[in-house]
Amino acid sequence: MAITEVPEYAHLSDADLEELAAALEEIRRDIEAARGSKDRAYIVRAIALQRWLEIAARLAIAGSKGKLGWAVGTAALAAAKSIENMELGHNISHGQWDWMNDPEIHSSTWEWDMAALTSQWQHSHNYRHHVFANIVGVDDDLGFGVMRVTRDQAWRPSALVQPLRAVLLALAFEWGVALHGLYAVQEREDTDAGRSAHKSALLRKVARQVGKDYVLVPALSRRRWRRTLWANVVANGLRNVWACVVIICGHFADGAEKFTPSALEGERKPEWYLRQMLGTANFRAGTVMAFMSGNLCYQIEHHLFPDLPSNRYPEIAHRVRDLCLTYDLPYTTGPLHRQFLLTARTICKLALPDRFLTATSDDAPETASEDKFRNVAKRPNSGVGDNGRRRGLATALLTGKSMLPQ
């Protein structure tokens, strides 16, 4: 099964946990104290860049002749939409810039440029996902309700088509996010009237979004409306696929562990920190790719500090990585293509019933638990105990490779 005893899996004592939590709290205090004009300038420049890029893209689409101009403009529009969703909408809605007290750049007022309603997404994502990250049966983002990504999730015949579901989800990701948020807020409601109100709110947002992307903006192009319409369709599709890839690589790649609901029993902040570190994965990215991903290439740091400014994640990552070395914890990372291929392998492999799989749910590339080490310790002459495991963790940290069997 997935991890139940999180400290035992990490081989940390109570004293270790307290020290680790204190070090992470110190990182938070340092970043909060350092926030200032440079951070404000960063988000203001990011917003300006995104808006100017979108304007330039739309001018290229509508004004250029030939397929090349259309392709360049559409690619630029897809980039602008990705920046708006990832670096702006996602991070602003997490409250990363609320400390500025700017009414236009605030989690309570920002509405992103996609079908989902920000307020509904905030409940499904900021609360249900971030608080209960990778808890089987609790975190709705674990497979998004359409994919089996751990052997702790029961196999059903419908799982056979989940590779196709994954492709469709990527192409229509904004619509999946919209429905995901709606279902999350409707679950809180006890009355039909309340559920209906949430549905009506989402339908109004969808009508505005569809009207803008597929009616108003194409109409402004007059006789070239078809050119603009198709550019919007393609740009939205590219944005959807990119957002989906970034998110699944941070949560479903090998080394991003899963947990049983029992792990929540008596969980304190130190255990919560540890669960976030074990349950997420990074991917390596340069400055441009990091910006395009909303700095979610630092998914570990984001889950530890979801409300700290995203431009601070690179410096936070150095300190978190050092802590992983100190406490012999895995720091799961790797090139984006590798993380994606591992995730795709999991989705395709777990489409099959368990009887066709070789590893167990305690010792599989996509899922492990503390029982993995209990069982290894019982094997005679295994040569793998705490020290052997710690050497494996250190190797994984330094090489960026998963220590789990392939």
Protein backbone atom coordinates (compact mmCIF):
# COMPACT_ATOMS: atom_id res chain seq x y z
CA MET A 1 0.00 0.00 0.00
CA ALA A 2 0.99 3.66 -0.11
CA ILE A 3 2.91 5.25 2.75
CA THR A 4 1.16 5.25 6.14
CA GLU A 5 4.01 6.04 8.54
CA VAL A 6 5.65 8.99 6.81
CA PRO A 7 8.52 9.54 9.33
CA GLU A 8 9.28 5.81 9.32
CA TYR A 9 9.48 5.79 5.53
CA ALA A 10 11.98 8.67 5.69
CA HIS A 11 13.79 7.10 8.67
CA LEU A 12 13.53 10.29 10.72
CA SER A 13 13.18 10.51 14.47
CA ASP A 14 10.88 12.94 16.24
CA ALA A 15 13.89 15.16 16.92
CA ASP A 16 14.87 15.07 13.24
CA LEU A 17 11.34 16.06 12.24
CA GLU A 18 11.30 19.02 14.61
CA GLU A 19 14.69 20.21 13.39
CA LEU A 20 13.66 19.84 9.76
CA ALA A 21 10.45 21.79 10.34
CA ALA A 22 12.35 24.52 12.19
CA ALA A 23 14.77 24.86 9.27
CA LEU A 24 11.89 25.13 6.81
CA GLU A 25 10.15 27.73 8.97
CA GLU A 26 13.39 29.69 8.99
CA ILE A 27 13.38 29.66 5.18
CA ARG A 28 9.83 31.02 5.21
CA ARG A 29 10.73 33.81 7.64
CA ASP A 30 13.79 34.79 5.63
CA ILE A 31 11.86 35.02 2.35
CA GLU A 32 8.95 36.91 3.91
CA ALA A 33 11.36 39.40 5.46
CA ALA A 34 13.20 39.86 2.15
CA ARG A 35 10.11 40.51 0.00
CA GLY A 36 10.11 44.03 -1.37
CA SER A 37 10.51 46.28 -4.39
CA LYS A 38 12.41 43.72 -6.49
CA ASP A 39 9.61 41.19 -6.11
CA ARG A 40 6.99 43.81 -6.88
CA ALA A 41 8.92 44.83 -10.00
CA TYR A 42 9.14 41.18 -11.05
CA ILE A 43 5.40 40.51 -11.06
CA VAL A 44 4.60 43.87 -12.66
CA ARG A 45 7.10 43.17 -15.45
CA ALA A 46 5.72 39.64 -15.86
CA ILE A 47 2.19 40.98 -16.32
CA ALA A 48 3.38 43.63 -18.79
CA LEU A 49 5.42 41.09 -20.77
CA GLN A 50 2.47 38.71 -21.00
CA ARG A 51 0.09 41.41 -22.21
CA TRP A 52 2.48 42.85 -24.79
CA LEU A 53 3.28 39.36 -26.04
CA GLU A 54 -0.40 38.64 -26.52
CA ILE A 55 -0.94 41.93 -28.37
CA ALA A 56 2.02 41.24 -30.66
CA ALA A 57 0.80 37.71 -31.27
CA ARG A 58 -2.69 38.84 -32.23
CA LEU A 59 -1.32 41.50 -34.57
CA ALA A 60 0.89 38.90 -36.25
CA ILE A 61 -2.04 36.50 -36.66
CA ALA A 62 -4.43 39.06 -38.08
CA GLY A 63 -1.98 41.22 -40.01
CA SER A 64 0.56 38.85 -41.53
CA LYS A 65 0.17 36.97 -44.76
CA GLY A 66 0.91 33.34 -45.31
CA LYS A 67 1.24 30.33 -43.06
CA LEU A 68 4.54 31.33 -41.48
CA GLY A 69 3.18 34.54 -39.98
CA TRP A 70 0.14 32.65 -38.70
CA ALA A 71 2.32 29.93 -37.15
CA VAL A 72 4.64 32.43 -35.44
CA GLY A 73 1.70 34.45 -34.13
CA THR A 74 -0.12 31.35 -32.89
CA ALA A 75 3.00 30.08 -31.10
CA ALA A 76 3.44 33.47 -29.45
CA LEU A 77 -0.22 33.49 -28.42
CA ALA A 78 0.15 30.01 -26.90
CA ALA A 79 3.18 31.25 -24.95
CA ALA A 80 1.26 34.31 -23.73
CA LYS A 81 -1.65 32.14 -22.61
CA SER A 82 0.73 29.76 -20.82
CA ILE A 83 2.38 32.62 -18.95
CA GLU A 84 -1.02 34.02 -17.99
CA ASN A 85 -2.21 30.69 -16.64
CA MET A 86 0.97 29.41 -14.99
CA GLU A 87 3.10 32.32 -13.79
CA LEU A 88 0.25 34.77 -13.29
CA GLY A 89 -3.14 33.13 -12.70
CA HIS A 90 -1.94 30.09 -10.76
CA ASN A 91 0.53 31.91 -8.55
CA ILE A 92 -1.52 35.04 -7.93
CA SER A 93 -4.50 32.87 -6.96
CA HIS A 94 -2.29 31.14 -4.40
CA GLY A 95 -1.89 34.48 -2.63
CA GLN A 96 1.80 34.78 -3.50
CA TRP A 97 1.46 38.52 -4.08
CA ASP A 98 -1.24 39.40 -1.54
CA TRP A 99 1.42 40.96 0.70
CA MET A 100 1.63 43.90 -1.75
CA ASN A 101 -2.01 44.83 -1.01
CA ASP A 102 -2.50 45.63 -4.69
CA PRO A 103 -6.21 45.22 -5.49
CA GLU A 104 -5.42 44.26 -9.10
CA ILE A 105 -2.79 41.63 -8.24
CA HIS A 106 -4.56 39.80 -5.45
CA SER A 107 -5.92 36.30 -4.94
CA SER A 108 -9.39 37.66 -4.19
CA THR A 109 -9.72 39.67 -7.41
CA TRP A 110 -7.64 37.99 -10.15
CA GLU A 111 -9.67 36.03 -12.72
CA TRP A 112 -7.57 34.04 -15.11
CA ASP A 113 -7.98 33.72 -18.86
CA MET A 114 -9.42 30.22 -19.11
CA ALA A 115 -12.75 28.41 -18.70
CA ALA A 116 -12.34 27.59 -14.99
CA LEU A 117 -13.66 29.95 -12.33
CA THR A 118 -10.82 31.06 -10.05
CA SER A 119 -12.83 30.90 -6.82
CA GLN A 120 -13.91 27.31 -7.49
CA TRP A 121 -10.41 26.26 -8.49
CA GLN A 122 -9.00 27.77 -5.30
CA HIS A 123 -11.04 25.36 -3.21
CA SER A 124 -10.25 22.25 -5.24
CA HIS A 125 -6.57 23.15 -5.66
CA ASN A 126 -5.37 25.39 -2.84
CA TYR A 127 -7.26 23.43 -0.20
CA ARG A 128 -8.17 19.91 -1.35
CA HIS A 129 -4.94 19.31 -3.25
CA HIS A 130 -2.29 21.24 -1.36
CA VAL A 131 -3.42 20.34 2.14
CA PHE A 132 -4.03 16.65 1.32
CA ALA A 133 -1.47 16.21 -1.48
CA ASN A 134 -1.31 12.65 -2.83
CA ILE A 135 -3.54 11.16 -0.13
CA VAL A 136 -5.31 8.27 -1.86
CA GLY A 137 -9.07 8.82 -1.84
CA VAL A 138 -8.76 12.35 -0.41
CA ASP A 139 -6.73 14.37 -2.93
CA ASP A 140 -8.97 14.70 -5.98
CA ASP A 141 -5.95 15.67 -8.09
CA LEU A 142 -4.47 12.17 -7.72
CA GLY A 143 -5.29 10.97 -11.21
CA PHE A 144 -7.91 13.71 -11.59
CA GLY A 145 -10.62 11.09 -11.21
CA VAL A 146 -9.94 9.68 -14.70
CA MET A 147 -6.57 7.94 -14.30
CA ARG A 148 -5.19 5.23 -12.03
CA VAL A 149 -1.71 6.34 -10.99
CA THR A 150 -1.04 4.05 -8.01
CA ARG A 151 -1.81 0.41 -7.30
CA ASP A 152 -3.63 1.58 -4.18
CA GLN A 153 -6.42 2.73 -6.48
CA ALA A 154 -8.68 -0.19 -7.37
CA TRP A 155 -8.47 -1.35 -10.97
CA ARG A 156 -11.66 -1.11 -13.01
CA PRO A 157 -12.24 -2.12 -16.64
CA SER A 158 -12.54 1.55 -17.58
CA ALA A 159 -8.85 1.93 -16.73
CA LEU A 160 -8.00 0.11 -19.96
CA VAL A 161 -8.68 3.29 -21.92
CA GLN A 162 -6.89 5.66 -19.55
CA PRO A 163 -4.00 6.34 -21.97
CA LEU A 164 -6.60 7.75 -24.35
CA ARG A 165 -8.23 9.61 -21.46
CA ALA A 166 -4.87 11.16 -20.60
CA VAL A 167 -4.45 12.48 -24.14
CA LEU A 168 -7.97 13.90 -24.20
CA LEU A 169 -7.48 15.46 -20.77
CA ALA A 170 -4.30 17.19 -21.93
CA LEU A 171 -5.99 18.64 -25.02
CA ALA A 172 -9.02 19.87 -23.05
CA PHE A 173 -7.24 20.59 -19.77
CA GLU A 174 -8.91 23.94 -19.05
CA TRP A 175 -12.33 22.27 -19.28
CA GLY A 176 -11.22 19.48 -16.98
CA VAL A 177 -9.98 22.04 -14.47
CA ALA A 178 -13.30 23.89 -14.71
CA LEU A 179 -15.37 20.77 -13.98
CA HIS A 180 -12.92 19.66 -11.30
CA GLY A 181 -13.39 22.95 -9.44
CA LEU A 182 -17.16 22.85 -9.84
CA TYR A 183 -17.49 19.35 -8.41
CA ALA A 184 -15.24 20.27 -5.48
CA VAL A 185 -17.37 23.24 -4.38
CA GLN A 186 -20.64 21.41 -5.03
CA GLU A 187 -19.57 18.68 -2.61
CA ARG A 188 -19.58 21.25 0.18
CA GLU A 189 -23.18 22.24 -0.51
CA ASP A 190 -26.10 20.60 1.29
CA THR A 191 -28.83 22.09 -0.90
CA ASP A 192 -29.73 21.85 -4.56
CA ALA A 193 -29.98 25.63 -4.65
CA GLY A 194 -26.38 26.00 -3.53
CA ARG A 195 -25.11 23.49 -6.08
CA SER A 196 -27.15 25.18 -8.79
CA ALA A 197 -25.68 28.57 -7.89
CA HIS A 198 -22.14 27.25 -8.35
CA LYS A 199 -23.08 25.70 -11.68
CA SER A 200 -24.62 28.96 -12.87
CA ALA A 201 -21.51 30.89 -11.85
CA LEU A 202 -19.31 28.55 -13.88
CA LEU A 203 -21.63 28.71 -16.90
CA ARG A 204 -21.42 32.50 -16.85
CA LYS A 205 -17.62 32.33 -16.81
CA VAL A 206 -17.62 29.77 -19.63
CA ALA A 207 -19.95 31.96 -21.70
CA ARG A 208 -17.64 34.96 -21.25
CA GLN A 209 -14.56 32.92 -22.12
CA VAL A 210 -16.04 31.25 -25.18
CA GLY A 211 -17.53 34.55 -26.33
CA LYS A 212 -14.15 36.28 -26.09
CA ASP A 213 -11.98 33.55 -27.66
CA TYR A 214 -14.29 32.26 -30.36
CA VAL A 215 -16.69 35.13 -31.16
CA LEU A 216 -15.52 38.61 -30.18
CA VAL A 217 -11.79 38.40 -31.00
CA PRO A 218 -12.33 36.63 -34.35
CA ALA A 219 -15.03 39.17 -35.23
CA LEU A 220 -12.53 41.99 -34.71
CA SER A 221 -10.45 40.46 -37.49
CA ARG A 222 -13.39 40.99 -39.85
CA ARG A 223 -12.75 39.14 -43.13
CA ARG A 224 -9.85 37.23 -41.57
CA TRP A 225 -11.95 35.87 -38.72
CA ARG A 226 -11.29 32.24 -39.64
CA ARG A 227 -7.55 32.81 -39.35
CA THR A 228 -7.97 34.26 -35.86
CA LEU A 229 -10.48 31.64 -34.77
CA TRP A 230 -8.18 28.75 -35.63
CA ALA A 231 -5.24 30.50 -34.01
CA ASN A 232 -7.22 30.75 -30.77
CA VAL A 233 -8.22 27.09 -30.95
CA VAL A 234 -4.64 25.94 -31.52
CA ALA A 235 -3.13 28.31 -28.93
CA ASN A 236 -5.60 27.18 -26.28
CA GLY A 237 -4.82 23.56 -27.11
CA LEU A 238 -1.07 24.09 -26.85
CA ARG A 239 -1.52 25.94 -23.55
CA ASN A 240 -3.68 23.09 -22.23
CA VAL A 241 -1.14 20.40 -23.15
CA TRP A 242 1.77 22.35 -21.65
CA ALA A 243 -0.07 22.99 -18.38
CA CYS A 244 -1.06 19.33 -18.12
CA VAL A 245 2.51 18.11 -18.77
CA VAL A 246 3.95 20.43 -16.12
CA ILE A 247 1.42 19.36 -13.50
CA ILE A 248 1.54 15.59 -14.04
CA CYS A 249 5.34 15.58 -14.09
CA GLY A 250 5.30 17.23 -10.66
CA HIS A 251 2.93 14.68 -9.13
CA PHE A 252 2.95 11.36 -11.00
CA ALA A 253 6.62 10.87 -11.87
CA ASP A 254 8.56 8.11 -10.10
CA GLY A 255 9.55 9.25 -6.63
CA ALA A 256 6.44 11.38 -6.06
CA GLU A 257 5.05 9.14 -3.33
CA LYS A 258 1.42 8.47 -2.40
CA PHE A 259 -0.07 8.16 1.07
CA THR A 260 -2.93 6.39 2.80
CA PRO A 261 -5.60 8.39 4.68
CA SER A 262 -4.14 6.95 7.89
CA ALA A 263 -1.10 9.19 7.33
CA LEU A 264 -3.32 12.14 8.30
CA GLU A 265 -4.00 10.78 11.78
CA GLY A 266 -2.22 13.01 14.27
CA GLU A 267 -0.34 14.78 11.47
CA ARG A 268 1.42 17.92 12.68
CA LYS A 269 3.19 20.60 10.66
CA PRO A 270 6.54 18.71 10.65
CA GLU A 271 4.86 15.60 9.19
CA TRP A 272 2.96 17.77 6.73
CA TYR A 273 6.22 19.33 5.52
CA LEU A 274 7.77 15.90 5.12
CA ARG A 275 4.76 14.58 3.18
CA GLN A 276 4.98 17.51 0.75
CA MET A 277 8.68 16.83 0.16
CA LEU A 278 8.15 13.12 -0.45
CA GLY A 279 4.96 13.50 -2.51
CA THR A 280 6.20 15.90 -5.20
CA ALA A 281 8.83 15.96 -7.93
CA ASN A 282 10.77 18.68 -9.73
CA PHE A 283 12.15 18.86 -13.24
CA ARG A 284 15.23 20.71 -14.40
CA ALA A 285 14.61 23.93 -16.29
CA GLY A 286 16.47 26.99 -17.40
CA THR A 287 15.24 30.53 -16.79
CA VAL A 288 12.86 30.62 -19.77
CA MET A 289 11.31 27.21 -19.18
CA ALA A 290 10.96 27.96 -15.46
CA PHE A 291 9.09 31.17 -16.27
CA MET A 292 6.89 29.41 -18.84
CA SER A 293 6.00 26.74 -16.27
CA GLY A 294 5.08 29.26 -13.59
CA ASN A 295 8.23 28.10 -11.76
CA LEU A 296 6.40 24.81 -11.14
CA CYS A 297 9.58 23.05 -12.19
CA TYR A 298 10.14 23.68 -8.44
CA GLN A 299 7.10 21.67 -7.43
CA ILE A 300 8.71 20.53 -4.16
CA GLU A 301 9.34 24.11 -3.10
CA HIS A 302 5.90 25.16 -4.28
CA HIS A 303 4.20 22.54 -2.12
CA LEU A 304 6.28 23.53 0.89
CA PHE A 305 5.58 27.25 0.42
CA PRO A 306 2.64 27.69 -1.99
CA ASP A 307 2.06 31.31 -0.93
CA LEU A 308 5.63 32.58 -1.30
CA PRO A 309 6.52 34.46 -4.53
CA SER A 310 7.40 32.12 -7.39
CA ASN A 311 10.47 34.14 -8.36
CA ARG A 312 11.97 33.12 -5.02
CA TYR A 313 11.74 29.38 -5.67
CA PRO A 314 15.23 29.04 -7.20
CA GLU A 315 16.93 30.37 -4.07
CA ILE A 316 14.59 28.36 -1.83
CA ALA A 317 15.47 25.24 -3.83
CA HIS A 318 19.16 25.52 -2.91
CA ARG A 319 18.32 25.51 0.79
CA VAL A 320 15.75 22.72 0.50
CA ARG A 321 18.22 20.57 -1.42
CA ASP A 322 20.81 21.13 1.31
CA LEU A 323 18.27 20.02 3.91
CA CYS A 324 17.61 16.87 1.91
CA LEU A 325 21.33 16.11 2.01
CA THR A 326 21.49 16.77 5.74
CA TYR A 327 18.56 14.48 6.56
CA ASP A 328 19.19 11.90 3.82
CA LEU A 329 15.90 12.64 2.11
CA PRO A 330 15.27 12.11 -1.61
CA TYR A 331 15.08 15.23 -3.74
CA THR A 332 13.28 13.90 -6.80
CA THR A 333 14.22 15.70 -9.98
CA GLY A 334 15.37 15.07 -13.53
CA PRO A 335 15.10 16.38 -17.09
CA LEU A 336 11.55 17.19 -18.17
CA HIS A 337 11.51 14.57 -20.91
CA ARG A 338 12.55 11.87 -18.44
CA GLN A 339 9.92 12.87 -15.87
CA PHE A 340 7.29 12.89 -18.60
CA LEU A 341 8.26 9.46 -19.95
CA LEU A 342 8.16 7.97 -16.44
CA THR A 343 4.71 9.47 -15.93
CA ALA A 344 3.48 8.17 -19.29
CA ARG A 345 4.81 4.73 -18.40
CA THR A 346 2.83 4.74 -15.15
CA ILE A 347 -0.38 5.79 -16.90
CA CYS A 348 -0.04 3.09 -19.55
CA LYS A 349 1.13 0.38 -17.15
CA LEU A 350 -1.59 0.90 -14.53
CA ALA A 351 -4.25 0.65 -17.22
CA LEU A 352 -3.74 -3.09 -16.74
CA PRO A 353 -5.00 -5.22 -13.83
CA ASP A 354 -2.48 -5.89 -11.05
CA ARG A 355 -2.11 -9.53 -12.03
CA PHE A 356 -0.24 -8.41 -15.14
CA LEU A 357 2.19 -6.29 -13.12
CA THR A 358 5.35 -7.61 -11.45
CA ALA A 359 6.11 -5.25 -8.57
CA THR A 360 3.90 -4.77 -5.52
CA SER A 361 2.26 -1.62 -4.23
CA ASP A 362 4.98 -1.50 -1.55
CA ASP A 363 7.86 -1.60 -3.99
CA ALA A 364 6.95 -0.24 -7.43
CA PRO A 365 8.50 2.64 -9.39
CA GLU A 366 5.38 4.79 -9.06
CA THR A 367 4.44 3.76 -5.51
CA ALA A 368 6.34 2.61 -2.43
CA SER A 369 5.73 2.38 1.31
CA GLU A 370 7.53 1.79 4.57
CA ASP A 371 6.73 -1.92 4.19
CA LYS A 372 9.26 -1.98 1.38
CA PHE A 373 12.05 -1.42 3.89
CA ARG A 374 10.52 -3.65 6.54
CA ASN A 375 10.49 -6.53 4.08
CA VAL A 376 14.02 -5.84 2.83
CA ALA A 377 15.33 -5.74 6.39
CA LYS A 378 13.98 -9.25 6.95
CA ARG A 379 15.90 -10.73 4.00
CA PRO A 380 19.11 -12.50 5.03
CA ASN A 381 22.31 -10.98 3.67
CA SER A 382 20.34 -8.32 1.85
CA GLY A 383 23.03 -5.75 2.50
CA VAL A 384 20.33 -3.11 2.58
CA GLY A 385 19.48 -1.50 5.87
CA ASP A 386 19.18 2.06 6.99
CA ASN A 387 22.70 2.88 5.88
CA GLY A 388 22.28 1.22 2.50
CA ARG A 389 19.04 3.04 1.95
CA ARG A 390 20.59 6.35 2.94
CA ARG A 391 23.43 5.81 0.47
CA GLY A 392 20.78 5.16 -2.18
CA LEU A 393 18.97 8.37 -1.27
CA ALA A 394 22.18 10.38 -1.48
CA THR A 395 22.95 8.87 -4.89
CA ALA A 396 19.45 9.71 -6.09
CA LEU A 397 19.87 13.26 -4.87
CA LEU A 398 23.19 13.82 -6.56
CA THR A 399 22.28 12.19 -9.87
CA GLY A 400 18.66 13.33 -10.09
CA LYS A 401 17.59 9.73 -10.66
CA SER A 402 14.90 7.83 -8.82
CA MET A 403 16.24 5.28 -6.30
CA LEU A 404 13.22 3.12 -6.97
CA PRO A 405 13.44 -0.01 -9.12
CA GLN A 406 12.62 0.48 -12.78
